[in-house]
Amino acid sequence: MSLYVKSQVLRRIRESMQSGKQEYQACQEAGVTQKTLWVWAKRWLRIERYRQALHIRCSTKRVELVIDANLKSALGGNVAAQCFFLKNKAGWKDVDAPTINIYTQVWNGAITKAQKVNDQGRIIE
């Protein structure tokens, strides 16, 4: 296979992977097997580096596609998607507010005073 044909195959693989497809799917669309791509990568270091960079770039692209789909779902009214987006992208923390328990202190059968206690058991004045 000539260098020109290899470059065209690699270009088609890149385009397929950038649209969100996995490496094996991109190879099928380009007309080569994934094993052929691996053989090229072993033989030519430049193709291996290109392949690694493509994996990093395309995995980022796939994550962006998922984020966009999640945002679209959240804007459409999906409450679970809204919570997921807020927690993971907007920095929102799902923290329970400290609960305040009110109890009375009984000493020798007489109620001395009511006290407020936070969730760690400390008395709030």
N, C-alpha and C. Protein backbone atom coordinates (compact mmCIF):
# COMPACT_ATOMS: atom_id res chain seq x y z
N MET A 1 0.86 -1.18 0.00
CA MET A 1 0.00 0.00 0.00
C MET A 1 0.90 1.24 0.00
N SER A 2 0.60 2.19 -0.86
CA SER A 2 1.45 3.37 -0.98
C SER A 2 1.23 4.33 0.20
N LEU A 3 2.16 5.23 0.34
CA LEU A 3 2.07 6.21 1.42
C LEU A 3 0.84 7.10 1.26
N TYR A 4 0.51 7.44 0.00
CA TYR A 4 -0.67 8.27 -0.25
C TYR A 4 -1.94 7.57 0.21
N VAL A 5 -2.07 6.28 -0.10
CA VAL A 5 -3.25 5.53 0.29
C VAL A 5 -3.34 5.42 1.82
N LYS A 6 -2.20 5.20 2.46
CA LYS A 6 -2.19 5.13 3.93
C LYS A 6 -2.64 6.45 4.54
N SER A 7 -2.16 7.54 3.97
CA SER A 7 -2.55 8.85 4.51
C SER A 7 -4.05 9.09 4.32
N GLN A 8 -4.61 8.61 3.19
CA GLN A 8 -6.05 8.76 2.97
C GLN A 8 -6.85 7.89 3.95
N VAL A 9 -6.36 6.68 4.21
CA VAL A 9 -7.02 5.80 5.17
C VAL A 9 -6.98 6.41 6.56
N LEU A 10 -5.81 6.93 6.94
CA LEU A 10 -5.68 7.57 8.26
C LEU A 10 -6.58 8.79 8.39
N ARG A 11 -6.72 9.54 7.31
CA ARG A 11 -7.61 10.70 7.32
C ARG A 11 -9.06 10.26 7.54
N ARG A 12 -9.49 9.18 6.84
CA ARG A 12 -10.85 8.68 7.01
C ARG A 12 -11.07 8.14 8.43
N ILE A 13 -10.05 7.48 8.98
CA ILE A 13 -10.15 6.99 10.35
C ILE A 13 -10.30 8.16 11.32
N ARG A 14 -9.49 9.19 11.13
CA ARG A 14 -9.57 10.38 11.99
C ARG A 14 -10.95 11.01 11.94
N GLU A 15 -11.49 11.17 10.73
CA GLU A 15 -12.80 11.80 10.59
C GLU A 15 -13.89 10.98 11.28
N SER A 16 -13.81 9.66 11.14
CA SER A 16 -14.81 8.80 11.78
C SER A 16 -14.70 8.86 13.29
N MET A 17 -13.48 8.83 13.80
CA MET A 17 -13.29 8.86 15.25
C MET A 17 -13.69 10.21 15.83
N GLN A 18 -13.47 11.27 15.09
CA GLN A 18 -13.85 12.59 15.58
C GLN A 18 -15.37 12.77 15.62
N SER A 19 -16.09 11.95 14.86
CA SER A 19 -17.55 12.02 14.91
C SER A 19 -18.11 11.17 16.05
N GLY A 20 -17.20 10.52 16.84
CA GLY A 20 -17.63 9.80 18.02
C GLY A 20 -17.55 8.29 17.92
N LYS A 21 -17.02 7.76 16.82
CA LYS A 21 -16.94 6.31 16.65
C LYS A 21 -15.69 5.75 17.31
N GLN A 22 -15.75 4.47 17.65
CA GLN A 22 -14.61 3.76 18.22
C GLN A 22 -13.61 3.45 17.10
N GLU A 23 -12.38 3.07 17.51
CA GLU A 23 -11.32 2.81 16.52
C GLU A 23 -11.70 1.69 15.56
N TYR A 24 -12.26 0.59 16.06
CA TYR A 24 -12.59 -0.52 15.17
C TYR A 24 -13.67 -0.14 14.16
N GLN A 25 -14.64 0.70 14.57
CA GLN A 25 -15.68 1.16 13.65
C GLN A 25 -15.10 2.08 12.59
N ALA A 26 -14.18 2.94 13.01
CA ALA A 26 -13.55 3.86 12.07
C ALA A 26 -12.71 3.09 11.04
N CYS A 27 -12.01 2.05 11.50
CA CYS A 27 -11.21 1.23 10.57
C CYS A 27 -12.11 0.54 9.56
N GLN A 28 -13.25 0.01 10.01
CA GLN A 28 -14.18 -0.64 9.08
C GLN A 28 -14.66 0.32 8.02
N GLU A 29 -15.00 1.54 8.44
CA GLU A 29 -15.47 2.54 7.47
C GLU A 29 -14.38 2.95 6.50
N ALA A 30 -13.11 2.91 6.96
CA ALA A 30 -12.00 3.30 6.09
C ALA A 30 -11.56 2.15 5.18
N GLY A 31 -12.07 0.96 5.43
CA GLY A 31 -11.76 -0.16 4.56
C GLY A 31 -10.55 -0.98 4.97
N VAL A 32 -10.11 -0.85 6.22
CA VAL A 32 -9.01 -1.66 6.73
C VAL A 32 -9.44 -2.29 8.04
N THR A 33 -8.72 -3.31 8.46
CA THR A 33 -9.02 -3.91 9.75
C THR A 33 -8.27 -3.15 10.84
N GLN A 34 -8.71 -3.32 12.06
CA GLN A 34 -8.02 -2.68 13.18
C GLN A 34 -6.63 -3.29 13.34
N LYS A 35 -6.50 -4.57 13.02
CA LYS A 35 -5.19 -5.22 13.09
C LYS A 35 -4.20 -4.58 12.13
N THR A 36 -4.66 -4.20 10.94
CA THR A 36 -3.79 -3.52 9.97
C THR A 36 -3.28 -2.21 10.56
N LEU A 37 -4.16 -1.47 11.21
CA LEU A 37 -3.74 -0.21 11.83
C LEU A 37 -2.71 -0.47 12.91
N TRP A 38 -2.89 -1.54 13.69
CA TRP A 38 -1.92 -1.87 14.73
C TRP A 38 -0.57 -2.25 14.13
N VAL A 39 -0.59 -2.98 13.01
CA VAL A 39 0.67 -3.36 12.35
C VAL A 39 1.39 -2.11 11.86
N TRP A 40 0.64 -1.18 11.26
CA TRP A 40 1.25 0.09 10.82
C TRP A 40 1.84 0.84 12.01
N ALA A 41 1.11 0.86 13.11
CA ALA A 41 1.57 1.59 14.29
C ALA A 41 2.85 0.98 14.85
N LYS A 42 2.96 -0.35 14.81
CA LYS A 42 4.20 -0.99 15.27
C LYS A 42 5.36 -0.70 14.35
N ARG A 43 5.08 -0.65 13.06
CA ARG A 43 6.13 -0.47 12.06
C ARG A 43 6.60 0.98 11.98
N TRP A 44 5.68 1.91 12.09
CA TRP A 44 6.02 3.33 11.94
C TRP A 44 5.64 4.08 13.21
N LEU A 45 6.63 4.60 13.89
CA LEU A 45 6.42 5.31 15.14
C LEU A 45 5.52 6.53 14.96
N ARG A 46 5.64 7.18 13.82
CA ARG A 46 4.83 8.37 13.57
C ARG A 46 3.33 8.02 13.55
N ILE A 47 2.98 6.88 12.98
CA ILE A 47 1.58 6.46 12.96
C ILE A 47 1.12 6.11 14.37
N GLU A 48 1.98 5.49 15.17
CA GLU A 48 1.62 5.16 16.55
C GLU A 48 1.37 6.43 17.36
N ARG A 49 2.22 7.42 17.21
CA ARG A 49 2.02 8.69 17.93
C ARG A 49 0.73 9.36 17.48
N TYR A 50 0.48 9.32 16.18
CA TYR A 50 -0.74 9.89 15.61
C TYR A 50 -1.96 9.17 16.19
N ARG A 51 -1.89 7.85 16.26
CA ARG A 51 -2.98 7.04 16.80
C ARG A 51 -3.24 7.37 18.27
N GLN A 52 -2.19 7.50 19.06
CA GLN A 52 -2.35 7.83 20.48
C GLN A 52 -2.97 9.22 20.65
N ALA A 53 -2.48 10.19 19.89
CA ALA A 53 -3.03 11.55 19.98
C ALA A 53 -4.50 11.56 19.54
N LEU A 54 -4.80 10.76 18.55
CA LEU A 54 -6.18 10.67 18.06
C LEU A 54 -7.10 10.08 19.13
N HIS A 55 -6.61 9.08 19.83
CA HIS A 55 -7.40 8.49 20.92
C HIS A 55 -7.70 9.52 22.00
N ILE A 56 -6.71 10.30 22.37
CA ILE A 56 -6.92 11.31 23.41
C ILE A 56 -7.92 12.36 22.94
N ARG A 57 -7.71 12.85 21.72
CA ARG A 57 -8.59 13.88 21.17
C ARG A 57 -10.02 13.38 21.04
N CYS A 58 -10.17 12.17 20.55
CA CYS A 58 -11.51 11.64 20.27
C CYS A 58 -12.23 11.22 21.54
N SER A 59 -11.50 10.75 22.54
CA SER A 59 -12.18 10.42 23.79
C SER A 59 -12.71 11.69 24.44
N THR A 60 -11.98 12.78 24.30
CA THR A 60 -12.45 14.07 24.79
C THR A 60 -13.70 14.49 24.02
N LYS A 61 -13.69 14.26 22.71
CA LYS A 61 -14.85 14.60 21.88
C LYS A 61 -16.07 13.78 22.28
N ARG A 62 -15.87 12.48 22.57
CA ARG A 62 -16.99 11.65 22.98
C ARG A 62 -17.57 12.13 24.30
N VAL A 63 -16.71 12.54 25.21
CA VAL A 63 -17.18 13.08 26.50
C VAL A 63 -17.99 14.35 26.26
N GLU A 64 -17.52 15.20 25.35
CA GLU A 64 -18.26 16.42 25.04
C GLU A 64 -19.63 16.10 24.45
N LEU A 65 -19.71 15.06 23.61
CA LEU A 65 -20.99 14.67 23.04
C LEU A 65 -21.96 14.21 24.13
N VAL A 66 -21.45 13.47 25.10
CA VAL A 66 -22.29 13.00 26.21
C VAL A 66 -22.74 14.19 27.06
N ILE A 67 -21.83 15.12 27.32
CA ILE A 67 -22.19 16.31 28.10
C ILE A 67 -23.26 17.12 27.38
N ASP A 68 -23.10 17.29 26.07
CA ASP A 68 -24.10 18.03 25.31
C ASP A 68 -25.47 17.34 25.35
N ALA A 69 -25.47 16.01 25.22
CA ALA A 69 -26.73 15.27 25.27
C ALA A 69 -27.36 15.38 26.66
N ASN A 70 -26.54 15.34 27.69
CA ASN A 70 -27.04 15.46 29.06
C ASN A 70 -27.64 16.86 29.27
N LEU A 71 -26.95 17.87 28.79
CA LEU A 71 -27.45 19.24 28.94
C LEU A 71 -28.78 19.41 28.20
N LYS A 72 -28.86 18.85 27.00
CA LYS A 72 -30.09 18.93 26.23
C LYS A 72 -31.24 18.25 26.99
N SER A 73 -30.95 17.10 27.59
CA SER A 73 -31.94 16.38 28.38
C SER A 73 -32.34 17.19 29.61
N ALA A 74 -31.36 17.81 30.27
CA ALA A 74 -31.64 18.62 31.46
C ALA A 74 -32.51 19.82 31.10
N LEU A 75 -32.21 20.46 29.99
CA LEU A 75 -33.01 21.61 29.57
C LEU A 75 -34.40 21.20 29.15
N GLY A 76 -34.55 19.92 28.76
CA GLY A 76 -35.86 19.40 28.38
C GLY A 76 -36.73 19.02 29.57
N GLY A 77 -36.19 19.13 30.78
CA GLY A 77 -36.99 18.88 31.97
C GLY A 77 -36.65 17.61 32.71
N ASN A 78 -35.63 16.89 32.31
CA ASN A 78 -35.25 15.66 33.01
C ASN A 78 -34.55 16.04 34.32
N VAL A 79 -35.21 15.75 35.44
CA VAL A 79 -34.70 16.18 36.74
C VAL A 79 -33.38 15.47 37.08
N ALA A 80 -33.28 14.19 36.78
CA ALA A 80 -32.04 13.46 37.06
C ALA A 80 -30.87 14.06 36.27
N ALA A 81 -31.13 14.42 35.03
CA ALA A 81 -30.08 15.04 34.21
C ALA A 81 -29.71 16.41 34.76
N GLN A 82 -30.69 17.13 35.27
CA GLN A 82 -30.41 18.44 35.87
C GLN A 82 -29.51 18.30 37.09
N CYS A 83 -29.83 17.35 37.96
CA CYS A 83 -29.00 17.13 39.16
C CYS A 83 -27.60 16.70 38.77
N PHE A 84 -27.50 15.79 37.81
CA PHE A 84 -26.19 15.33 37.35
C PHE A 84 -25.36 16.49 36.81
N PHE A 85 -25.98 17.33 35.99
CA PHE A 85 -25.27 18.47 35.41
C PHE A 85 -24.81 19.43 36.50
N LEU A 86 -25.69 19.73 37.44
CA LEU A 86 -25.34 20.67 38.51
C LEU A 86 -24.19 20.13 39.37
N LYS A 87 -24.23 18.84 39.69
CA LYS A 87 -23.19 18.26 40.54
C LYS A 87 -21.85 18.17 39.83
N ASN A 88 -21.85 17.81 38.54
CA ASN A 88 -20.61 17.52 37.85
C ASN A 88 -20.04 18.69 37.05
N LYS A 89 -20.88 19.61 36.63
CA LYS A 89 -20.37 20.70 35.82
C LYS A 89 -20.44 22.06 36.50
N ALA A 90 -21.43 22.26 37.33
CA ALA A 90 -21.62 23.58 37.93
C ALA A 90 -21.01 23.67 39.33
N GLY A 91 -20.44 22.57 39.81
CA GLY A 91 -19.79 22.60 41.11
C GLY A 91 -20.74 22.57 42.29
N TRP A 92 -21.98 22.22 42.04
CA TRP A 92 -22.98 22.17 43.10
C TRP A 92 -22.71 20.96 43.97
N LYS A 93 -22.84 21.14 45.28
CA LYS A 93 -22.62 20.05 46.22
C LYS A 93 -23.96 19.66 46.84
N ASP A 94 -24.21 18.37 46.87
CA ASP A 94 -25.43 17.86 47.46
C ASP A 94 -25.14 17.52 48.92
N VAL A 95 -25.16 18.55 49.79
CA VAL A 95 -24.82 18.38 51.20
C VAL A 95 -26.06 18.62 52.02
N ASP A 96 -26.28 17.72 52.96
CA ASP A 96 -27.41 17.91 53.86
C ASP A 96 -27.13 19.08 54.80
N ALA A 97 -28.13 19.88 55.02
CA ALA A 97 -27.99 20.98 55.97
C ALA A 97 -27.93 20.37 57.37
N PRO A 98 -27.17 20.98 58.27
CA PRO A 98 -27.11 20.43 59.62
C PRO A 98 -28.50 20.45 60.26
N THR A 99 -28.85 19.34 60.84
CA THR A 99 -30.16 19.27 61.49
C THR A 99 -30.06 19.80 62.91
N ILE A 100 -31.11 20.42 63.35
CA ILE A 100 -31.13 20.96 64.71
C ILE A 100 -32.20 20.18 65.47
N ASN A 101 -31.75 19.50 66.50
CA ASN A 101 -32.66 18.74 67.35
C ASN A 101 -32.92 19.54 68.62
N ILE A 102 -34.16 19.65 68.96
CA ILE A 102 -34.51 20.34 70.20
C ILE A 102 -34.91 19.28 71.22
N TYR A 103 -34.28 19.32 72.37
CA TYR A 103 -34.64 18.37 73.41
C TYR A 103 -34.61 19.09 74.75
N THR A 104 -35.22 18.50 75.70
CA THR A 104 -35.24 19.10 77.04
C THR A 104 -34.32 18.30 77.94
N GLN A 105 -33.67 19.01 78.80
CA GLN A 105 -32.76 18.37 79.75
C GLN A 105 -33.52 18.13 81.05
N VAL A 106 -33.58 16.88 81.43
CA VAL A 106 -34.31 16.54 82.66
C VAL A 106 -33.29 16.20 83.74
N TRP A 107 -33.43 16.87 84.88
CA TRP A 107 -32.51 16.61 85.98
C TRP A 107 -33.32 16.48 87.25
N ASN A 108 -33.27 15.37 87.89
CA ASN A 108 -34.06 15.08 89.10
C ASN A 108 -35.54 15.31 88.87
N GLY A 109 -36.02 14.93 87.69
CA GLY A 109 -37.44 15.03 87.40
C GLY A 109 -37.91 16.41 87.03
N ALA A 110 -37.03 17.41 87.03
CA ALA A 110 -37.45 18.78 86.69
C ALA A 110 -36.81 19.18 85.36
N ILE A 111 -37.58 19.83 84.54
CA ILE A 111 -37.05 20.31 83.27
C ILE A 111 -36.31 21.61 83.55
N THR A 112 -35.01 21.63 83.24
CA THR A 112 -34.23 22.82 83.52
C THR A 112 -34.33 23.83 82.39
N LYS A 113 -34.10 23.42 81.16
CA LYS A 113 -34.25 24.33 80.02
C LYS A 113 -34.22 23.52 78.73
N ALA A 114 -34.72 24.13 77.69
CA ALA A 114 -34.66 23.50 76.37
C ALA A 114 -33.37 23.95 75.69
N GLN A 115 -32.73 23.03 75.03
CA GLN A 115 -31.47 23.35 74.36
C GLN A 115 -31.54 22.89 72.90
N LYS A 116 -30.87 23.63 72.05
CA LYS A 116 -30.75 23.25 70.65
C LYS A 116 -29.38 22.60 70.45
N VAL A 117 -29.38 21.51 69.72
CA VAL A 117 -28.15 20.76 69.50
C VAL A 117 -27.96 20.59 67.99
N ASN A 118 -26.71 20.84 67.52
CA ASN A 118 -26.44 20.63 66.09
C ASN A 118 -26.18 19.16 65.83
N ASP A 119 -25.85 18.81 64.58
CA ASP A 119 -25.70 17.40 64.21
C ASP A 119 -24.48 16.74 64.83
N GLN A 120 -23.54 17.50 65.38
CA GLN A 120 -22.39 16.90 66.07
C GLN A 120 -22.64 16.74 67.56
N GLY A 121 -23.81 17.14 68.05
CA GLY A 121 -24.16 16.99 69.44
C GLY A 121 -23.73 18.17 70.30
N ARG A 122 -23.27 19.24 69.69
CA ARG A 122 -22.86 20.42 70.46
C ARG A 122 -24.08 21.32 70.71
N ILE A 123 -24.12 21.90 71.87
CA ILE A 123 -25.24 22.75 72.25
C ILE A 123 -25.09 24.11 71.57
N ILE A 124 -26.18 24.55 70.98
CA ILE A 124 -26.21 25.87 70.33
C ILE A 124 -26.92 26.82 71.28
N GLU A 125 -26.29 27.90 71.62
CA GLU A 125 -26.88 28.86 72.57
C GLU A 125 -27.81 29.81 71.85
